[in-house]
Amino acid sequence: MAKREAPFLLALSLVMTLLASGCGGGREAPPTLAGGSPTPPAAVLVWDPPRTYADNSPLDPYRELDYYELHLRGDQNFTETDAPVAQIVAVTNILSPDGHTSTSVPTTEFPLNNLSPFIQSGNVYYIRLRAVGVNGLKSHFSPPIAWKII
């Protein structure tokens, strides 16, 4: 794995938190909703936007990112021709209170429960991401990450 691929997903943090039965994330008890019932299992994938495309040309995540491709497989044998199971908006523009200016905010989190149509409990899945620019250029793939929901 090349060092330039690591910053895409794991540069500062990769946090996968599973709050499933038997895995309380170090808490005394699972979090609860207002009525006292346990929250559903949740996992969030967290990443930092890439700073280069696959050809190593610079990438400005605030101006050039269009979306992320999320790839999911039951093994680690990803190929360039695999179709993504999700496309995630890479940047959100937020208007100021006066409505005259906007700020670009890169997307850095993805709740994995959004993948429920593509998974079965008890199986191990591997996830990897890559960014796609508004110009159609793509970043390197992130290293695969193992994920299992109980």
N, C-alpha and C. Protein backbone atom coordinates (compact mmCIF):
# COMPACT_ATOMS: atom_id res chain seq x y z
N MET A 1 0.85 -1.16 0.00
CA MET A 1 0.00 0.00 0.00
C MET A 1 0.90 1.23 0.00
N ALA A 2 0.69 2.12 -0.89
CA ALA A 2 1.50 3.31 -1.01
C ALA A 2 1.15 4.30 0.09
N LYS A 3 2.16 5.04 0.56
CA LYS A 3 1.93 6.01 1.63
C LYS A 3 0.96 7.09 1.21
N ARG A 4 0.90 7.42 -0.06
CA ARG A 4 0.01 8.50 -0.50
C ARG A 4 -1.46 8.10 -0.43
N GLU A 5 -1.76 6.80 -0.34
CA GLU A 5 -3.15 6.37 -0.23
C GLU A 5 -3.67 6.53 1.19
N ALA A 6 -2.80 6.38 2.18
CA ALA A 6 -3.23 6.41 3.57
C ALA A 6 -3.91 7.72 3.96
N PRO A 7 -3.44 8.89 3.52
CA PRO A 7 -4.09 10.13 3.97
C PRO A 7 -5.56 10.21 3.58
N PHE A 8 -5.95 9.56 2.50
CA PHE A 8 -7.33 9.67 2.05
C PHE A 8 -8.31 9.27 3.14
N LEU A 9 -8.09 8.11 3.75
CA LEU A 9 -9.07 7.64 4.70
C LEU A 9 -8.54 7.61 6.11
N LEU A 10 -7.26 7.41 6.26
CA LEU A 10 -6.75 7.19 7.59
C LEU A 10 -5.80 8.27 8.07
N ALA A 11 -5.69 9.38 7.35
CA ALA A 11 -4.70 10.40 7.68
C ALA A 11 -4.79 10.81 9.13
N LEU A 12 -5.88 11.37 9.53
CA LEU A 12 -6.03 11.80 10.91
C LEU A 12 -6.86 10.83 11.72
N SER A 13 -7.89 10.28 11.07
CA SER A 13 -8.72 9.37 11.86
C SER A 13 -9.57 8.49 10.99
N LEU A 14 -9.72 7.28 11.45
CA LEU A 14 -10.71 6.37 10.91
C LEU A 14 -11.40 5.82 12.14
N VAL A 15 -12.65 6.16 12.30
CA VAL A 15 -13.35 5.75 13.49
C VAL A 15 -14.52 4.89 13.07
N MET A 16 -14.50 3.69 13.53
CA MET A 16 -15.66 2.84 13.32
C MET A 16 -16.17 2.45 14.69
N THR A 17 -17.33 2.89 15.02
CA THR A 17 -17.90 2.62 16.32
C THR A 17 -19.10 1.72 16.13
N LEU A 18 -19.00 0.53 16.63
CA LEU A 18 -20.14 -0.38 16.55
C LEU A 18 -20.82 -0.44 17.90
N LEU A 19 -22.08 -0.08 17.92
CA LEU A 19 -22.87 -0.15 19.14
C LEU A 19 -23.89 -1.27 18.96
N ALA A 20 -23.38 -2.47 18.89
CA ALA A 20 -24.24 -3.63 18.68
C ALA A 20 -24.22 -4.46 19.95
N SER A 21 -25.08 -5.45 20.02
CA SER A 21 -25.11 -6.28 21.21
C SER A 21 -23.75 -6.91 21.42
N GLY A 22 -23.28 -6.85 22.65
CA GLY A 22 -21.98 -7.41 22.97
C GLY A 22 -20.84 -6.45 22.70
N CYS A 23 -21.12 -5.28 22.13
CA CYS A 23 -20.06 -4.32 21.84
C CYS A 23 -20.55 -2.94 22.23
N GLY A 24 -20.32 -2.58 23.48
CA GLY A 24 -20.82 -1.31 23.99
C GLY A 24 -19.87 -0.16 23.83
N GLY A 25 -18.73 -0.37 23.13
CA GLY A 25 -17.80 0.72 22.93
C GLY A 25 -17.18 1.22 24.22
N GLY A 26 -17.06 0.32 25.23
CA GLY A 26 -16.44 0.71 26.48
C GLY A 26 -17.39 1.41 27.43
N ARG A 27 -18.65 1.49 27.14
CA ARG A 27 -19.62 2.16 28.00
C ARG A 27 -20.20 1.14 28.98
N GLU A 28 -20.73 1.67 30.07
CA GLU A 28 -21.39 0.81 31.04
C GLU A 28 -22.65 0.19 30.44
N ALA A 29 -23.40 0.98 29.70
CA ALA A 29 -24.62 0.51 29.07
C ALA A 29 -24.77 1.22 27.74
N PRO A 30 -25.46 0.59 26.77
CA PRO A 30 -25.64 1.27 25.49
C PRO A 30 -26.46 2.54 25.65
N PRO A 31 -26.25 3.52 24.75
CA PRO A 31 -27.05 4.75 24.84
C PRO A 31 -28.52 4.43 24.66
N THR A 32 -29.33 5.28 25.20
CA THR A 32 -30.77 5.05 25.08
C THR A 32 -31.45 6.26 24.48
N LEU A 33 -32.62 6.04 23.94
CA LEU A 33 -33.46 7.12 23.44
C LEU A 33 -34.29 7.66 24.59
N ALA A 34 -35.04 8.70 24.35
CA ALA A 34 -35.81 9.36 25.41
C ALA A 34 -36.72 8.39 26.16
N GLY A 35 -37.31 7.43 25.49
CA GLY A 35 -38.23 6.48 26.14
C GLY A 35 -37.54 5.39 26.91
N GLY A 36 -36.21 5.35 26.92
CA GLY A 36 -35.49 4.34 27.67
C GLY A 36 -35.12 3.12 26.84
N SER A 37 -35.56 3.04 25.59
CA SER A 37 -35.21 1.89 24.77
C SER A 37 -33.82 2.08 24.17
N PRO A 38 -33.07 1.00 23.98
CA PRO A 38 -31.72 1.12 23.41
C PRO A 38 -31.77 1.66 21.98
N THR A 39 -30.73 2.39 21.62
CA THR A 39 -30.64 2.88 20.24
C THR A 39 -30.29 1.72 19.33
N PRO A 40 -30.62 1.81 18.04
CA PRO A 40 -30.28 0.74 17.11
C PRO A 40 -28.77 0.70 16.89
N PRO A 41 -28.23 -0.45 16.44
CA PRO A 41 -26.81 -0.53 16.16
C PRO A 41 -26.41 0.57 15.16
N ALA A 42 -25.28 1.20 15.41
CA ALA A 42 -24.84 2.28 14.53
C ALA A 42 -23.33 2.20 14.35
N ALA A 43 -22.88 2.56 13.18
CA ALA A 43 -21.45 2.66 12.90
C ALA A 43 -21.28 3.86 11.98
N VAL A 44 -20.24 4.61 12.21
CA VAL A 44 -19.98 5.79 11.39
C VAL A 44 -18.56 5.69 10.86
N LEU A 45 -18.43 5.84 9.58
CA LEU A 45 -17.13 5.87 8.92
C LEU A 45 -16.71 7.33 8.85
N VAL A 46 -15.51 7.64 9.33
CA VAL A 46 -15.02 9.01 9.37
C VAL A 46 -13.73 9.08 8.58
N TRP A 47 -13.58 10.12 7.76
CA TRP A 47 -12.38 10.26 6.95
C TRP A 47 -12.06 11.73 6.70
N ASP A 48 -10.88 11.96 6.18
CA ASP A 48 -10.47 13.29 5.73
C ASP A 48 -10.45 13.29 4.21
N PRO A 49 -10.84 14.38 3.58
CA PRO A 49 -10.83 14.43 2.11
C PRO A 49 -9.40 14.28 1.58
N PRO A 50 -9.24 13.67 0.43
CA PRO A 50 -7.90 13.53 -0.16
C PRO A 50 -7.36 14.87 -0.61
N ARG A 51 -6.07 14.94 -0.79
CA ARG A 51 -5.41 16.17 -1.26
C ARG A 51 -4.80 16.01 -2.65
N THR A 52 -4.89 14.76 -3.21
CA THR A 52 -4.38 14.52 -4.56
C THR A 52 -5.29 13.55 -5.31
N TYR A 53 -5.25 13.67 -6.62
CA TYR A 53 -5.92 12.71 -7.49
C TYR A 53 -5.00 11.49 -7.66
N ALA A 54 -5.49 10.44 -8.33
CA ALA A 54 -4.71 9.24 -8.54
C ALA A 54 -3.44 9.50 -9.35
N ASP A 55 -3.46 10.55 -10.19
CA ASP A 55 -2.26 10.88 -10.97
C ASP A 55 -1.30 11.78 -10.17
N ASN A 56 -1.59 11.97 -8.87
CA ASN A 56 -0.81 12.78 -7.93
C ASN A 56 -0.90 14.28 -8.17
N SER A 57 -1.79 14.73 -9.05
CA SER A 57 -2.00 16.16 -9.20
C SER A 57 -2.77 16.66 -7.97
N PRO A 58 -2.56 17.92 -7.56
CA PRO A 58 -3.21 18.43 -6.36
C PRO A 58 -4.72 18.50 -6.49
N LEU A 59 -5.39 18.33 -5.37
CA LEU A 59 -6.84 18.36 -5.29
C LEU A 59 -7.23 19.29 -4.15
N ASP A 60 -8.03 20.29 -4.44
CA ASP A 60 -8.55 21.19 -3.41
C ASP A 60 -9.93 20.67 -3.01
N PRO A 61 -10.04 20.02 -1.84
CA PRO A 61 -11.32 19.42 -1.47
C PRO A 61 -12.46 20.41 -1.30
N TYR A 62 -12.16 21.68 -1.07
CA TYR A 62 -13.21 22.68 -0.89
C TYR A 62 -13.81 23.14 -2.21
N ARG A 63 -13.05 23.04 -3.30
CA ARG A 63 -13.54 23.55 -4.58
C ARG A 63 -13.68 22.48 -5.66
N GLU A 64 -12.95 21.39 -5.54
CA GLU A 64 -12.88 20.44 -6.66
C GLU A 64 -13.60 19.11 -6.45
N LEU A 65 -13.97 18.78 -5.23
CA LEU A 65 -14.63 17.49 -5.00
C LEU A 65 -16.08 17.53 -5.43
N ASP A 66 -16.52 16.45 -6.05
CA ASP A 66 -17.93 16.31 -6.44
C ASP A 66 -18.61 15.31 -5.51
N TYR A 67 -18.08 14.07 -5.45
CA TYR A 67 -18.67 13.03 -4.61
C TYR A 67 -17.63 11.98 -4.27
N TYR A 68 -18.00 11.12 -3.33
CA TYR A 68 -17.20 9.96 -2.96
C TYR A 68 -17.91 8.72 -3.47
N GLU A 69 -17.15 7.75 -3.91
CA GLU A 69 -17.68 6.43 -4.23
C GLU A 69 -17.38 5.51 -3.06
N LEU A 70 -18.40 4.84 -2.55
CA LEU A 70 -18.22 3.88 -1.48
C LEU A 70 -18.39 2.49 -2.07
N HIS A 71 -17.37 1.68 -1.94
CA HIS A 71 -17.37 0.32 -2.47
C HIS A 71 -17.46 -0.66 -1.31
N LEU A 72 -18.22 -1.73 -1.50
CA LEU A 72 -18.47 -2.72 -0.46
C LEU A 72 -18.36 -4.11 -1.08
N ARG A 73 -17.61 -4.98 -0.42
CA ARG A 73 -17.46 -6.37 -0.89
C ARG A 73 -17.39 -7.30 0.30
N GLY A 74 -17.64 -8.58 0.05
CA GLY A 74 -17.50 -9.61 1.07
C GLY A 74 -16.09 -10.14 1.16
N ASP A 75 -15.19 -9.66 0.33
CA ASP A 75 -13.77 -10.03 0.37
C ASP A 75 -12.95 -8.80 0.02
N GLN A 76 -11.63 -8.93 0.03
CA GLN A 76 -10.78 -7.78 -0.24
C GLN A 76 -10.32 -7.70 -1.69
N ASN A 77 -10.97 -8.41 -2.58
CA ASN A 77 -10.56 -8.48 -3.99
C ASN A 77 -11.23 -7.39 -4.83
N PHE A 78 -11.05 -6.14 -4.44
CA PHE A 78 -11.62 -5.02 -5.18
C PHE A 78 -10.92 -4.88 -6.53
N THR A 79 -11.68 -4.41 -7.52
CA THR A 79 -11.10 -4.12 -8.83
C THR A 79 -11.55 -2.73 -9.27
N GLU A 80 -10.88 -2.19 -10.26
CA GLU A 80 -11.24 -0.88 -10.79
C GLU A 80 -12.63 -0.88 -11.43
N THR A 81 -13.11 -2.05 -11.82
CA THR A 81 -14.41 -2.12 -12.50
C THR A 81 -15.58 -2.36 -11.55
N ASP A 82 -15.32 -2.52 -10.25
CA ASP A 82 -16.41 -2.69 -9.29
C ASP A 82 -17.28 -1.44 -9.26
N ALA A 83 -18.57 -1.65 -9.24
CA ALA A 83 -19.50 -0.52 -9.15
C ALA A 83 -19.66 -0.11 -7.69
N PRO A 84 -19.71 1.18 -7.41
CA PRO A 84 -19.93 1.62 -6.02
C PRO A 84 -21.35 1.30 -5.58
N VAL A 85 -21.53 1.05 -4.28
CA VAL A 85 -22.88 0.83 -3.75
C VAL A 85 -23.50 2.14 -3.29
N ALA A 86 -22.68 3.18 -3.15
CA ALA A 86 -23.20 4.49 -2.74
C ALA A 86 -22.31 5.60 -3.28
N GLN A 87 -22.94 6.72 -3.57
CA GLN A 87 -22.21 7.94 -3.89
C GLN A 87 -22.60 8.96 -2.83
N ILE A 88 -21.58 9.56 -2.22
CA ILE A 88 -21.79 10.48 -1.11
C ILE A 88 -21.40 11.88 -1.55
N VAL A 89 -22.28 12.84 -1.35
CA VAL A 89 -21.97 14.22 -1.68
C VAL A 89 -20.71 14.62 -0.93
N ALA A 90 -19.73 15.18 -1.63
CA ALA A 90 -18.44 15.48 -1.02
C ALA A 90 -18.38 16.83 -0.33
N VAL A 91 -19.15 17.80 -0.81
CA VAL A 91 -19.09 19.15 -0.25
C VAL A 91 -20.50 19.71 -0.18
N THR A 92 -20.81 20.33 0.95
CA THR A 92 -22.10 20.99 1.13
C THR A 92 -21.84 22.48 1.25
N ASN A 93 -22.61 23.27 0.54
CA ASN A 93 -22.52 24.73 0.64
C ASN A 93 -23.58 25.22 1.61
N ILE A 94 -23.12 25.93 2.62
CA ILE A 94 -24.02 26.44 3.66
C ILE A 94 -24.11 27.95 3.52
N LEU A 95 -25.33 28.46 3.39
CA LEU A 95 -25.55 29.90 3.27
C LEU A 95 -25.40 30.59 4.62
N SER A 96 -24.85 31.78 4.59
CA SER A 96 -24.74 32.59 5.79
C SER A 96 -26.14 33.04 6.20
N PRO A 97 -26.30 33.49 7.44
CA PRO A 97 -27.63 33.94 7.89
C PRO A 97 -28.21 35.07 7.03
N ASP A 98 -27.34 35.89 6.45
CA ASP A 98 -27.86 36.98 5.61
C ASP A 98 -28.23 36.50 4.21
N GLY A 99 -27.87 35.26 3.88
CA GLY A 99 -28.22 34.68 2.59
C GLY A 99 -27.38 35.16 1.41
N HIS A 100 -26.31 35.91 1.67
CA HIS A 100 -25.50 36.47 0.59
C HIS A 100 -24.21 35.72 0.32
N THR A 101 -23.70 35.00 1.29
CA THR A 101 -22.44 34.26 1.11
C THR A 101 -22.64 32.82 1.52
N SER A 102 -21.79 31.95 0.99
CA SER A 102 -21.87 30.55 1.37
C SER A 102 -20.48 30.04 1.74
N THR A 103 -20.47 29.00 2.54
CA THR A 103 -19.24 28.35 2.97
C THR A 103 -19.30 26.90 2.52
N SER A 104 -18.20 26.40 1.95
CA SER A 104 -18.12 25.00 1.53
C SER A 104 -17.62 24.16 2.70
N VAL A 105 -18.34 23.09 3.00
CA VAL A 105 -17.99 22.20 4.09
C VAL A 105 -17.85 20.79 3.53
N PRO A 106 -16.62 20.21 3.56
CA PRO A 106 -16.46 18.84 3.06
C PRO A 106 -17.17 17.82 3.94
N THR A 107 -17.73 16.80 3.34
CA THR A 107 -18.35 15.69 4.06
C THR A 107 -17.23 14.81 4.60
N THR A 108 -17.28 14.47 5.87
CA THR A 108 -16.23 13.64 6.48
C THR A 108 -16.78 12.44 7.24
N GLU A 109 -18.10 12.25 7.22
CA GLU A 109 -18.70 11.13 7.94
C GLU A 109 -19.78 10.47 7.09
N PHE A 110 -19.92 9.16 7.29
CA PHE A 110 -20.97 8.42 6.59
C PHE A 110 -21.51 7.36 7.54
N PRO A 111 -22.81 7.43 7.91
CA PRO A 111 -23.40 6.41 8.76
C PRO A 111 -23.55 5.10 7.98
N LEU A 112 -22.91 4.05 8.47
CA LEU A 112 -22.91 2.79 7.74
C LEU A 112 -24.25 2.08 7.76
N ASN A 113 -25.17 2.49 8.64
CA ASN A 113 -26.51 1.88 8.61
C ASN A 113 -27.23 2.21 7.31
N ASN A 114 -26.73 3.21 6.54
CA ASN A 114 -27.30 3.49 5.22
C ASN A 114 -27.03 2.35 4.23
N LEU A 115 -26.12 1.45 4.57
CA LEU A 115 -25.79 0.33 3.70
C LEU A 115 -26.64 -0.90 3.98
N SER A 116 -27.61 -0.80 4.89
CA SER A 116 -28.39 -1.98 5.29
C SER A 116 -29.01 -2.76 4.13
N PRO A 117 -29.40 -2.14 3.01
CA PRO A 117 -29.94 -2.96 1.91
C PRO A 117 -28.89 -3.87 1.26
N PHE A 118 -27.62 -3.62 1.51
CA PHE A 118 -26.56 -4.36 0.83
C PHE A 118 -25.83 -5.35 1.74
N ILE A 119 -26.26 -5.48 2.99
CA ILE A 119 -25.53 -6.32 3.95
C ILE A 119 -26.44 -7.29 4.66
N GLN A 120 -25.82 -8.30 5.29
CA GLN A 120 -26.52 -9.25 6.14
C GLN A 120 -25.78 -9.31 7.47
N SER A 121 -26.53 -9.31 8.55
CA SER A 121 -25.91 -9.39 9.88
C SER A 121 -25.06 -10.65 9.99
N GLY A 122 -23.94 -10.51 10.69
CA GLY A 122 -23.06 -11.64 10.93
C GLY A 122 -21.97 -11.82 9.90
N ASN A 123 -22.07 -11.15 8.75
CA ASN A 123 -21.04 -11.27 7.72
C ASN A 123 -20.01 -10.16 7.85
N VAL A 124 -18.79 -10.44 7.43
CA VAL A 124 -17.74 -9.43 7.38
C VAL A 124 -17.76 -8.80 5.99
N TYR A 125 -17.70 -7.48 5.95
CA TYR A 125 -17.65 -6.74 4.69
C TYR A 125 -16.41 -5.85 4.70
N TYR A 126 -15.96 -5.52 3.52
CA TYR A 126 -14.82 -4.63 3.37
C TYR A 126 -15.30 -3.40 2.62
N ILE A 127 -14.89 -2.25 3.12
CA ILE A 127 -15.31 -0.96 2.57
C ILE A 127 -14.07 -0.21 2.13
N ARG A 128 -14.19 0.47 1.00
CA ARG A 128 -13.17 1.42 0.62
C ARG A 128 -13.82 2.56 -0.16
N LEU A 129 -13.17 3.71 -0.12
CA LEU A 129 -13.69 4.92 -0.73
C LEU A 129 -12.70 5.49 -1.73
N ARG A 130 -13.21 6.30 -2.62
CA ARG A 130 -12.36 7.17 -3.42
C ARG A 130 -13.17 8.40 -3.77
N ALA A 131 -12.46 9.49 -3.97
CA ALA A 131 -13.09 10.76 -4.29
C ALA A 131 -13.13 10.96 -5.79
N VAL A 132 -14.18 11.64 -6.25
CA VAL A 132 -14.32 11.99 -7.66
C VAL A 132 -14.46 13.51 -7.73
N GLY A 133 -13.62 14.14 -8.54
CA GLY A 133 -13.65 15.59 -8.69
C GLY A 133 -14.70 16.03 -9.68
N VAL A 134 -15.00 17.32 -9.66
CA VAL A 134 -15.97 17.88 -10.61
C VAL A 134 -15.47 17.74 -12.04
N ASN A 135 -14.17 17.54 -12.20
CA ASN A 135 -13.56 17.34 -13.52
C ASN A 135 -13.57 15.87 -13.95
N GLY A 136 -14.11 14.98 -13.11
CA GLY A 136 -14.18 13.56 -13.42
C GLY A 136 -12.96 12.76 -12.98
N LEU A 137 -11.88 13.44 -12.58
CA LEU A 137 -10.70 12.72 -12.10
C LEU A 137 -11.01 12.07 -10.75
N LYS A 138 -10.35 10.94 -10.49
CA LYS A 138 -10.60 10.20 -9.26
C LYS A 138 -9.32 10.11 -8.44
N SER A 139 -9.49 10.00 -7.13
CA SER A 139 -8.36 9.81 -6.23
C SER A 139 -8.01 8.33 -6.19
N HIS A 140 -6.93 8.01 -5.47
CA HIS A 140 -6.63 6.62 -5.18
C HIS A 140 -7.73 6.07 -4.29
N PHE A 141 -7.90 4.75 -4.29
CA PHE A 141 -8.80 4.11 -3.35
C PHE A 141 -8.18 4.14 -1.97
N SER A 142 -9.02 4.23 -0.97
CA SER A 142 -8.55 4.07 0.40
C SER A 142 -8.21 2.60 0.62
N PRO A 143 -7.42 2.30 1.63
CA PRO A 143 -7.21 0.89 1.98
C PRO A 143 -8.54 0.29 2.43
N PRO A 144 -8.77 -1.01 2.19
CA PRO A 144 -10.04 -1.61 2.63
C PRO A 144 -10.11 -1.68 4.16
N ILE A 145 -11.32 -1.51 4.66
CA ILE A 145 -11.58 -1.56 6.08
C ILE A 145 -12.59 -2.66 6.33
N ALA A 146 -12.29 -3.55 7.27
CA ALA A 146 -13.21 -4.63 7.61
C ALA A 146 -14.33 -4.09 8.50
N TRP A 147 -15.54 -4.57 8.26
CA TRP A 147 -16.71 -4.15 9.04
C TRP A 147 -17.64 -5.34 9.19
N LYS A 148 -18.09 -5.57 10.40
CA LYS A 148 -19.03 -6.65 10.67
C LYS A 148 -20.12 -6.12 11.59
N ILE A 149 -21.36 -6.34 11.21
CA ILE A 149 -22.47 -5.97 12.07
C ILE A 149 -23.04 -7.24 12.69
N ILE A 150 -23.25 -7.17 13.96
CA ILE A 150 -23.71 -8.36 14.70
C ILE A 150 -25.22 -8.42 14.69
